[in-house]
């Protein structure tokens, strides 16, 4: 679920929201909501008897944390890349050709 939030709205969010801090904040809010929802979904399954997410109880799930942080970093990079592309488009659209006759 968090991968979907990273792939689908991150780049367009950077394109559409002018302020990068606001765009990253919106992305982080969506990411954290989905991360919490995903975690609650996995715990709910565990309580109901499905142990596929928690097969190694002694493991602190460092690999899950690393993958989640990597997905978060890719999402923030996509938001910032979208902001750069939007900034270049705005510069190009407002540019004035002084040599035109």
N, C-alpha and C. Protein backbone atom coordinates (compact mmCIF):
# COMPACT_ATOMS: atom_id res chain seq x y z
N UNK A 1 0.82 -1.19 0.00
CA UNK A 1 0.00 0.00 0.00
C UNK A 1 0.87 1.26 0.00
N UNK A 2 1.94 1.27 0.78
CA UNK A 2 2.77 2.46 0.80
C UNK A 2 3.53 2.64 -0.51
N UNK A 3 3.77 1.54 -1.20
CA UNK A 3 4.41 1.65 -2.52
C UNK A 3 3.46 2.31 -3.52
N UNK A 4 2.18 2.02 -3.40
CA UNK A 4 1.19 2.65 -4.29
C UNK A 4 1.13 4.15 -4.03
N UNK A 5 1.16 4.54 -2.75
CA UNK A 5 1.14 5.97 -2.42
C UNK A 5 2.41 6.65 -2.93
N UNK A 6 3.50 5.92 -3.00
CA UNK A 6 4.74 6.49 -3.51
C UNK A 6 4.70 6.63 -5.02
N UNK A 7 4.25 5.60 -5.70
CA UNK A 7 4.30 5.61 -7.16
C UNK A 7 3.26 6.54 -7.77
N UNK A 8 2.03 6.50 -7.30
CA UNK A 8 0.97 7.25 -7.97
C UNK A 8 0.97 8.76 -7.70
N UNK A 9 0.86 9.23 -6.47
CA UNK A 9 0.69 10.67 -6.31
C UNK A 9 1.96 11.48 -6.06
N UNK A 10 3.11 10.87 -5.83
CA UNK A 10 4.29 11.63 -5.41
C UNK A 10 4.75 12.62 -6.48
N UNK A 11 5.00 12.15 -7.68
CA UNK A 11 5.48 13.04 -8.75
C UNK A 11 4.45 14.10 -9.13
N UNK A 12 3.16 13.73 -9.36
CA UNK A 12 2.17 14.77 -9.66
C UNK A 12 1.99 15.78 -8.53
N UNK A 13 2.17 15.34 -7.30
CA UNK A 13 2.07 16.26 -6.17
C UNK A 13 3.16 17.32 -6.26
N UNK A 14 4.36 16.90 -6.62
CA UNK A 14 5.45 17.86 -6.81
C UNK A 14 5.19 18.81 -7.96
N UNK A 15 4.51 18.32 -9.00
CA UNK A 15 4.18 19.18 -10.14
C UNK A 15 3.11 20.21 -9.79
N UNK A 16 2.13 19.81 -9.00
CA UNK A 16 0.96 20.66 -8.79
C UNK A 16 1.09 21.64 -7.62
N UNK A 17 1.84 21.28 -6.61
CA UNK A 17 1.96 22.15 -5.43
C UNK A 17 3.24 22.96 -5.58
N UNK A 18 3.10 24.28 -5.52
CA UNK A 18 4.23 25.17 -5.76
C UNK A 18 5.29 25.11 -4.66
N UNK A 19 4.86 25.13 -3.42
CA UNK A 19 5.79 25.13 -2.29
C UNK A 19 6.26 23.71 -2.02
N UNK A 20 7.55 23.48 -2.09
CA UNK A 20 8.10 22.13 -1.92
C UNK A 20 7.85 21.59 -0.52
N UNK A 21 7.95 22.45 0.48
CA UNK A 21 7.73 21.98 1.85
C UNK A 21 6.29 21.50 2.04
N UNK A 22 5.36 22.21 1.46
CA UNK A 22 3.96 21.80 1.55
C UNK A 22 3.74 20.48 0.81
N UNK A 23 4.34 20.36 -0.38
CA UNK A 23 4.20 19.13 -1.16
C UNK A 23 4.78 17.94 -0.42
N UNK A 24 5.96 18.11 0.16
CA UNK A 24 6.57 17.01 0.93
C UNK A 24 5.73 16.72 2.17
N UNK A 25 5.18 17.75 2.80
CA UNK A 25 4.32 17.54 3.97
C UNK A 25 3.06 16.77 3.63
N UNK A 26 2.45 17.09 2.50
CA UNK A 26 1.26 16.35 2.07
C UNK A 26 1.62 14.90 1.77
N UNK A 27 2.76 14.71 1.09
CA UNK A 27 3.19 13.34 0.80
C UNK A 27 3.46 12.57 2.10
N UNK A 28 4.15 13.20 3.05
CA UNK A 28 4.45 12.53 4.32
C UNK A 28 3.17 12.17 5.08
N UNK A 29 2.18 13.06 5.04
CA UNK A 29 0.92 12.77 5.71
C UNK A 29 0.24 11.56 5.08
N UNK A 30 0.21 11.51 3.75
CA UNK A 30 -0.40 10.37 3.06
C UNK A 30 0.40 9.09 3.32
N UNK A 31 1.73 9.20 3.29
CA UNK A 31 2.59 8.03 3.53
C UNK A 31 2.37 7.49 4.95
N UNK A 32 2.39 8.38 5.93
CA UNK A 32 2.25 7.94 7.31
C UNK A 32 0.87 7.36 7.59
N UNK A 33 -0.16 7.91 6.96
CA UNK A 33 -1.49 7.34 7.11
C UNK A 33 -1.51 5.92 6.55
N UNK A 34 -0.96 5.74 5.36
CA UNK A 34 -0.95 4.40 4.75
C UNK A 34 -0.05 3.44 5.52
N UNK A 35 1.06 3.94 6.05
CA UNK A 35 1.94 3.09 6.85
C UNK A 35 1.22 2.61 8.11
N UNK A 36 0.50 3.50 8.77
CA UNK A 36 -0.26 3.14 9.96
C UNK A 36 -1.37 2.16 9.61
N UNK A 37 -2.08 2.44 8.51
CA UNK A 37 -3.15 1.55 8.08
C UNK A 37 -2.61 0.17 7.74
N UNK A 38 -1.48 0.13 7.04
CA UNK A 38 -0.87 -1.15 6.68
C UNK A 38 -0.43 -1.92 7.92
N UNK A 39 0.16 -1.21 8.87
CA UNK A 39 0.59 -1.88 10.10
C UNK A 39 -0.60 -2.42 10.88
N UNK A 40 -1.67 -1.63 10.97
CA UNK A 40 -2.87 -2.09 11.68
C UNK A 40 -3.49 -3.28 10.96
N UNK A 41 -3.45 -3.28 9.64
CA UNK A 41 -3.99 -4.39 8.87
C UNK A 41 -3.20 -5.68 9.15
N UNK A 42 -1.88 -5.57 9.21
CA UNK A 42 -1.05 -6.74 9.49
C UNK A 42 -1.28 -7.25 10.92
N UNK A 43 -1.40 -6.35 11.87
CA UNK A 43 -1.64 -6.76 13.26
C UNK A 43 -3.03 -7.39 13.38
N UNK A 44 -4.01 -6.85 12.69
CA UNK A 44 -5.35 -7.42 12.71
C UNK A 44 -5.33 -8.85 12.17
N UNK A 45 -4.61 -9.06 11.08
CA UNK A 45 -4.48 -10.41 10.55
C UNK A 45 -3.80 -11.35 11.53
N UNK A 46 -2.79 -10.84 12.24
CA UNK A 46 -2.08 -11.65 13.22
C UNK A 46 -3.00 -12.04 14.37
N UNK A 47 -3.82 -11.09 14.82
CA UNK A 47 -4.75 -11.38 15.91
C UNK A 47 -5.78 -12.42 15.47
N UNK A 48 -6.15 -12.40 14.21
CA UNK A 48 -7.13 -13.37 13.70
C UNK A 48 -6.50 -14.71 13.34
N UNK A 49 -5.18 -14.87 13.53
CA UNK A 49 -4.55 -16.16 13.33
C UNK A 49 -3.63 -16.25 12.13
N UNK A 50 -3.50 -15.22 11.34
CA UNK A 50 -2.61 -15.25 10.17
C UNK A 50 -1.24 -14.76 10.62
N UNK A 51 -0.25 -15.63 10.59
CA UNK A 51 1.08 -15.24 11.08
C UNK A 51 2.09 -15.05 9.95
N UNK A 52 1.65 -14.83 8.74
CA UNK A 52 2.60 -14.68 7.63
C UNK A 52 3.46 -13.44 7.77
N UNK A 53 2.95 -12.40 8.38
CA UNK A 53 3.74 -11.18 8.55
C UNK A 53 4.66 -11.25 9.76
N UNK A 54 4.37 -12.16 10.69
CA UNK A 54 5.13 -12.23 11.93
C UNK A 54 5.66 -13.63 12.18
N UNK A 55 6.29 -14.21 11.23
CA UNK A 55 6.79 -15.58 11.39
C UNK A 55 8.03 -15.65 12.26
N UNK A 56 8.83 -14.59 12.28
CA UNK A 56 10.06 -14.59 13.08
C UNK A 56 9.88 -13.65 14.26
N UNK A 57 9.37 -14.11 15.39
CA UNK A 57 9.08 -13.21 16.49
C UNK A 57 10.32 -12.59 17.14
N UNK A 58 11.47 -13.24 17.04
CA UNK A 58 12.67 -12.68 17.65
C UNK A 58 13.30 -11.59 16.79
N UNK A 59 12.90 -11.51 15.55
CA UNK A 59 13.44 -10.53 14.62
C UNK A 59 12.76 -9.18 14.87
N UNK A 60 13.54 -8.13 14.83
CA UNK A 60 12.98 -6.79 15.04
C UNK A 60 12.53 -6.15 13.74
N UNK A 61 12.46 -6.91 12.69
CA UNK A 61 11.98 -6.47 11.38
C UNK A 61 12.77 -5.27 10.87
N UNK A 62 14.07 -5.35 10.99
CA UNK A 62 14.93 -4.28 10.49
C UNK A 62 14.83 -4.21 8.97
N UNK A 63 14.66 -5.35 8.33
CA UNK A 63 14.53 -5.35 6.88
C UNK A 63 13.25 -4.64 6.45
N UNK A 64 12.15 -4.83 7.17
CA UNK A 64 10.90 -4.12 6.86
C UNK A 64 11.07 -2.62 7.07
N UNK A 65 11.76 -2.24 8.12
CA UNK A 65 12.02 -0.84 8.37
C UNK A 65 12.89 -0.24 7.27
N UNK A 66 13.91 -0.97 6.84
CA UNK A 66 14.80 -0.48 5.79
C UNK A 66 14.06 -0.30 4.47
N UNK A 67 13.22 -1.26 4.12
CA UNK A 67 12.45 -1.14 2.88
C UNK A 67 11.46 0.02 2.97
N UNK A 68 10.83 0.18 4.12
CA UNK A 68 9.89 1.29 4.30
C UNK A 68 10.59 2.64 4.20
N UNK A 69 11.77 2.75 4.78
CA UNK A 69 12.53 4.00 4.68
C UNK A 69 13.00 4.25 3.25
N UNK A 70 13.36 3.20 2.54
CA UNK A 70 13.75 3.34 1.14
C UNK A 70 12.58 3.83 0.30
N UNK A 71 11.40 3.27 0.52
CA UNK A 71 10.21 3.70 -0.21
C UNK A 71 9.89 5.16 0.13
N UNK A 72 10.04 5.53 1.39
CA UNK A 72 9.83 6.92 1.79
C UNK A 72 10.81 7.86 1.10
N UNK A 73 12.08 7.48 1.05
CA UNK A 73 13.09 8.31 0.40
C UNK A 73 12.81 8.44 -1.10
N UNK A 74 12.39 7.37 -1.74
CA UNK A 74 12.06 7.44 -3.17
C UNK A 74 10.86 8.36 -3.38
N UNK A 75 9.87 8.29 -2.51
CA UNK A 75 8.71 9.16 -2.62
C UNK A 75 9.06 10.62 -2.47
N UNK A 76 9.88 10.95 -1.48
CA UNK A 76 10.30 12.34 -1.29
C UNK A 76 11.11 12.81 -2.49
N UNK A 77 11.96 11.93 -3.02
CA UNK A 77 12.75 12.29 -4.21
C UNK A 77 11.83 12.54 -5.41
N UNK A 78 10.77 11.75 -5.56
CA UNK A 78 9.83 11.97 -6.66
C UNK A 78 9.08 13.29 -6.50
N UNK A 79 8.71 13.63 -5.27
CA UNK A 79 8.05 14.92 -5.03
C UNK A 79 8.98 16.06 -5.40
N UNK A 80 10.23 15.98 -4.97
CA UNK A 80 11.20 17.03 -5.28
C UNK A 80 11.50 17.09 -6.77
N UNK A 81 11.56 15.94 -7.43
CA UNK A 81 11.77 15.92 -8.88
C UNK A 81 10.59 16.56 -9.60
N UNK A 82 9.39 16.28 -9.16
CA UNK A 82 8.21 16.93 -9.74
C UNK A 82 8.25 18.43 -9.56
N UNK A 83 8.74 18.88 -8.40
CA UNK A 83 8.88 20.31 -8.17
C UNK A 83 9.91 20.95 -9.10
N UNK A 84 11.00 20.25 -9.34
CA UNK A 84 12.02 20.77 -10.27
C UNK A 84 11.49 20.87 -11.70
N UNK A 85 10.77 19.84 -12.13
CA UNK A 85 10.20 19.85 -13.47
C UNK A 85 9.20 20.99 -13.61
N UNK A 86 8.36 21.18 -12.60
CA UNK A 86 7.38 22.27 -12.63
C UNK A 86 8.07 23.63 -12.65
N UNK A 87 9.16 23.78 -11.88
CA UNK A 87 9.88 25.04 -11.85
C UNK A 87 10.50 25.34 -13.22
N UNK A 88 11.07 24.33 -13.86
CA UNK A 88 11.64 24.53 -15.20
C UNK A 88 10.56 24.89 -16.21
N UNK A 89 9.41 24.26 -16.12
CA UNK A 89 8.31 24.59 -17.03
C UNK A 89 7.85 26.03 -16.83
N UNK A 90 7.76 26.46 -15.57
CA UNK A 90 7.34 27.83 -15.29
C UNK A 90 8.36 28.83 -15.82
N UNK A 91 9.64 28.52 -15.66
CA UNK A 91 10.68 29.43 -16.18
C UNK A 91 10.61 29.53 -17.69
N UNK A 92 10.41 28.39 -18.33
CA UNK A 92 10.35 28.37 -19.79
C UNK A 92 9.12 29.12 -20.29
N UNK A 93 8.01 28.99 -19.58
CA UNK A 93 6.77 29.64 -20.01
C UNK A 93 6.81 31.15 -19.80
N UNK A 94 7.56 31.62 -18.81
CA UNK A 94 7.62 33.06 -18.54
C UNK A 94 8.83 33.72 -19.16
N UNK A 95 9.66 32.94 -19.85
CA UNK A 95 10.85 33.50 -20.47
C UNK A 95 10.48 34.46 -21.60
N UNK A 96 11.29 35.50 -21.77
CA UNK A 96 11.05 36.51 -22.79
C UNK A 96 12.16 36.42 -23.82
N UNK A 97 11.77 36.38 -25.08
CA UNK A 97 12.75 36.34 -26.16
C UNK A 97 13.06 37.77 -26.57
N UNK A 98 14.26 38.26 -26.24
CA UNK A 98 14.64 39.65 -26.52
C UNK A 98 15.11 39.84 -27.95
N UNK A 99 15.45 38.76 -28.63
CA UNK A 99 15.93 38.88 -30.01
C UNK A 99 14.82 38.77 -31.05
N UNK A 100 13.60 38.57 -30.64
CA UNK A 100 12.50 38.42 -31.60
C UNK A 100 12.19 39.76 -32.25
N UNK A 101 11.89 39.71 -33.58
CA UNK A 101 11.55 40.95 -34.31
C UNK A 101 10.24 40.82 -34.97
